[in-house]
C-alpha atoms as a PDB file:
ATOM      1  CA  MET A   1       9.950  41.364  18.553  1.00  0.00           C
ATOM      2  CA  LEU A   2      13.558  40.378  19.082  1.00  0.00           C
ATOM      3  CA  SER A   3      13.496  41.578  22.678  1.00  0.00           C
ATOM      4  CA  SER A   4      10.390  39.477  23.398  1.00  0.00           C
ATOM      5  CA  LEU A   5      12.154  36.396  22.044  1.00  0.00           C
ATOM      6  CA  ARG A   6      15.119  37.080  24.302  1.00  0.00           C
ATOM      7  CA  ARG A   7      12.838  37.366  27.333  1.00  0.00           C
ATOM      8  CA  ILE A   8      11.215  34.042  26.497  1.00  0.00           C
ATOM      9  CA  ALA A   9      14.582  32.375  25.977  1.00  0.00           C
ATOM     10  CA  SER A  10      15.970  33.743  29.238  1.00  0.00           C
ATOM     11  CA  ALA A  11      12.821  32.766  31.171  1.00  0.00           C
ATOM     12  CA  SER A  12      13.053  29.092  30.175  1.00  0.00           C
ATOM     13  CA  LYS A  13      15.888  27.387  31.987  1.00  0.00           C
ATOM     14  CA  PRO A  14      17.392  24.287  30.412  1.00  0.00           C
ATOM     15  CA  VAL A  15      16.787  21.244  32.552  1.00  0.00           C
ATOM     16  CA  SER A  16      19.679  18.864  32.974  1.00  0.00           C
ATOM     17  CA  TYR A  17      19.219  15.193  33.741  1.00  0.00           C
ATOM     18  CA  PRO A  18      21.893  12.513  34.091  1.00  0.00           C
ATOM     19  CA  TYR A  19      20.330  10.855  31.016  1.00  0.00           C
ATOM     20  CA  PHE A  20      19.156  11.916  27.565  1.00  0.00           C
ATOM     21  CA  VAL A  21      16.790  10.268  25.090  1.00  0.00           C
ATOM     22  CA  ASN A  22      17.717  11.049  21.493  1.00  0.00           C
ATOM     23  CA  ARG A  23      15.019  11.124  18.844  1.00  0.00           C
ATOM     24  CA  ASN A  24      15.200   8.624  15.977  1.00  0.00           C
ATOM     25  CA  GLY A  25      15.633   9.426  12.277  1.00  0.00           C
ATOM     26  CA  ASN A  26      11.932  10.213  11.867  1.00  0.00           C
ATOM     27  CA  GLY A  27      12.056  12.797  14.656  1.00  0.00           C
ATOM     28  CA  SER A  28      10.030  10.756  17.131  1.00  0.00           C
ATOM     29  CA  LEU A  29      11.033   9.241  20.440  1.00  0.00           C
ATOM     30  CA  PRO A  30      12.518   5.716  20.223  1.00  0.00           C
ATOM     31  CA  LEU A  31       9.646   4.081  22.111  1.00  0.00           C
ATOM     32  CA  TYR A  32       8.377   0.767  20.753  1.00  0.00           C
ATOM     33  CA  THR A  33       5.999  -2.028  21.755  1.00  0.00           C
ATOM     34  CA  ASP A  34       6.704  -5.740  21.710  1.00  0.00           C
ATOM     35  CA  ILE A  35       3.852  -8.220  22.163  1.00  0.00           C
ATOM     36  CA  ARG A  36       4.901 -11.758  23.102  1.00  0.00           C
ATOM     37  CA  ASN A  37       3.365 -15.057  24.202  1.00  0.00           C
ATOM     38  CA  ALA A  38       0.368 -14.804  21.861  1.00  0.00           C
ATOM     39  CA  GLY A  39      -0.595 -11.409  23.244  1.00  0.00           C
ATOM     40  CA  THR A  40      -0.299 -12.186  26.958  1.00  0.00           C
ATOM     41  CA  ARG A  41       2.996 -10.327  27.528  1.00  0.00           C
ATOM     42  CA  TYR A  42       3.208  -6.680  26.542  1.00  0.00           C
ATOM     43  CA  LEU A  43       6.578  -4.886  26.653  1.00  0.00           C
ATOM     44  CA  VAL A  44       7.483  -1.252  26.065  1.00  0.00           C
ATOM     45  CA  LEU A  45      11.012  -0.716  24.754  1.00  0.00           C
ATOM     46  CA  LEU A  46      12.873   2.578  25.146  1.00  0.00           C
ATOM     47  CA  ARG A  47      16.045   2.511  23.085  1.00  0.00           C
ATOM     48  CA  ASN A  48      19.254   4.512  22.829  1.00  0.00           C
ATOM     49  CA  VAL A  49      19.395   6.226  26.200  1.00  0.00           C
ATOM     50  CA  ASP A  50      22.523   8.331  26.557  1.00  0.00           C
ATOM     51  CA  GLY A  51      23.998   8.765  30.011  1.00  0.00           C
ATOM     52  CA  ASN A  52      22.748   7.017  33.130  1.00  0.00           C
ATOM     53  CA  ALA A  53      19.950   4.646  32.082  1.00  0.00           C
ATOM     54  CA  ASN A  54      19.577   3.440  35.674  1.00  0.00           C
ATOM     55  CA  ALA A  55      18.671   6.984  36.777  1.00  0.00           C
ATOM     56  CA  LEU A  56      16.045   7.138  34.017  1.00  0.00           C
ATOM     57  CA  ALA A  57      14.606   3.793  35.126  1.00  0.00           C
ATOM     58  CA  LYS A  58      14.443   5.037  38.704  1.00  0.00           C
ATOM     59  CA  ASP A  59      12.730   8.300  37.684  1.00  0.00           C
ATOM     60  CA  ILE A  60      10.145   6.451  35.596  1.00  0.00           C
ATOM     61  CA  SER A  61       9.408   3.929  38.343  1.00  0.00           C
ATOM     62  CA  GLU A  62       8.997   6.660  40.984  1.00  0.00           C
ATOM     63  CA  THR A  63       7.023   9.265  39.036  1.00  0.00           C
ATOM     64  CA  LEU A  64       5.094   7.564  36.223  1.00  0.00           C
ATOM     65  CA  PHE A  65       2.285   6.407  38.520  1.00  0.00           C
ATOM     66  CA  PRO A  66       1.288   7.362  42.084  1.00  0.00           C
ATOM     67  CA  SER A  67       3.279   5.317  44.596  1.00  0.00           C
ATOM     68  CA  ASN A  68       0.386   3.307  46.091  1.00  0.00           C
ATOM     69  CA  SER A  69      -1.485   2.612  42.847  1.00  0.00           C
ATOM     70  CA  PRO A  70      -1.914  -0.896  41.404  1.00  0.00           C
ATOM     71  CA  GLU A  71      -0.088   0.225  38.250  1.00  0.00           C
ATOM     72  CA  ALA A  72       2.994   1.165  40.262  1.00  0.00           C
ATOM     73  CA  ALA A  73       2.963  -2.273  41.885  1.00  0.00           C
ATOM     74  CA  ARG A  74       2.925  -4.015  38.467  1.00  0.00           C
ATOM     75  CA  LEU A  75       5.530  -1.767  36.821  1.00  0.00           C
ATOM     76  CA  LYS A  76       8.870  -3.485  36.209  1.00  0.00           C
ATOM     77  CA  ILE A  77      11.795  -1.832  34.436  1.00  0.00           C
ATOM     78  CA  ASN A  78      14.955  -3.621  33.289  1.00  0.00           C
ATOM     79  CA  VAL A  79      18.056  -1.916  31.910  1.00  0.00           C
ATOM     80  CA  VAL A  80      19.609  -3.800  28.993  1.00  0.00           C
ATOM     81  CA  ARG A  81      23.234  -3.154  28.013  1.00  0.00           C
ATOM     82  CA  SER A  82      23.106   0.212  29.812  1.00  0.00           C
ATOM     83  CA  LYS A  83      21.404   1.814  26.771  1.00  0.00           C
ATOM     84  CA  HIS A  84      17.909   0.360  26.559  1.00  0.00           C
ATOM     85  CA  LEU A  85      14.967   0.047  28.955  1.00  0.00           C
ATOM     86  CA  VAL A  86      12.395  -2.733  28.903  1.00  0.00           C
ATOM     87  CA  ILE A  87       9.206  -1.750  30.717  1.00  0.00           C
ATOM     88  CA  SER A  88       6.819  -4.586  31.512  1.00  0.00           C
ATOM     89  CA  GLY A  89       3.662  -5.119  33.504  1.00  0.00           C
ATOM     90  CA  GLY A  90       1.097  -3.366  31.313  1.00  0.00           C
ATOM     91  CA  GLN A  91       0.272  -1.470  28.150  1.00  0.00           C
ATOM     92  CA  TRP A  92       1.927   1.800  29.110  1.00  0.00           C
ATOM     93  CA  LYS A  93       3.498   3.095  25.902  1.00  0.00           C
ATOM     94  CA  ASN A  94       1.299   6.200  25.833  1.00  0.00           C
ATOM     95  CA  ASN A  95       1.923   6.888  29.531  1.00  0.00           C
ATOM     96  CA  VAL A  96       5.694   6.691  29.054  1.00  0.00           C
ATOM     97  CA  LEU A  97       5.488   8.830  25.910  1.00  0.00           C
ATOM     98  CA  GLU A  98       3.547  11.552  27.743  1.00  0.00           C
ATOM     99  CA  TRP A  99       5.994  11.366  30.668  1.00  0.00           C
ATOM    100  CA  LEU A 100       8.974  11.847  28.344  1.00  0.00           C
ATOM    101  CA  MET A 101       7.280  14.752  26.564  1.00  0.00           C
ATOM    102  CA  LYS A 102       6.591  16.478  29.921  1.00  0.00           C
ATOM    103  CA  LYS A 103      10.272  16.081  30.796  1.00  0.00           C
ATOM    104  CA  GLY A 104      11.218  17.922  27.608  1.00  0.00           C
ATOM    105  CA  PHE A 105      12.411  15.107  25.377  1.00  0.00           C
END
């Protein structure tokens, strides 16, 4: 059994990104929603990004939706204080959460 665990561990290569998203105290990703203007403005907040938050914003904007889709045209990402991302343009919390989980966070 120990040898099978070693094979699995050696087969999976750690992926390195120029950014890292730490989990919060509850063990979940720090992804939150903020609804403003009486429900007409919907924001997704990603907090506490370690490393290059601009690279994370670029990766999300390029790979979250297909490049010619209407969602990609509406997607806007702002980096706040080089640690937090504000994603606007739609109700995409679940999409961003799935994207982060696929990346291994």
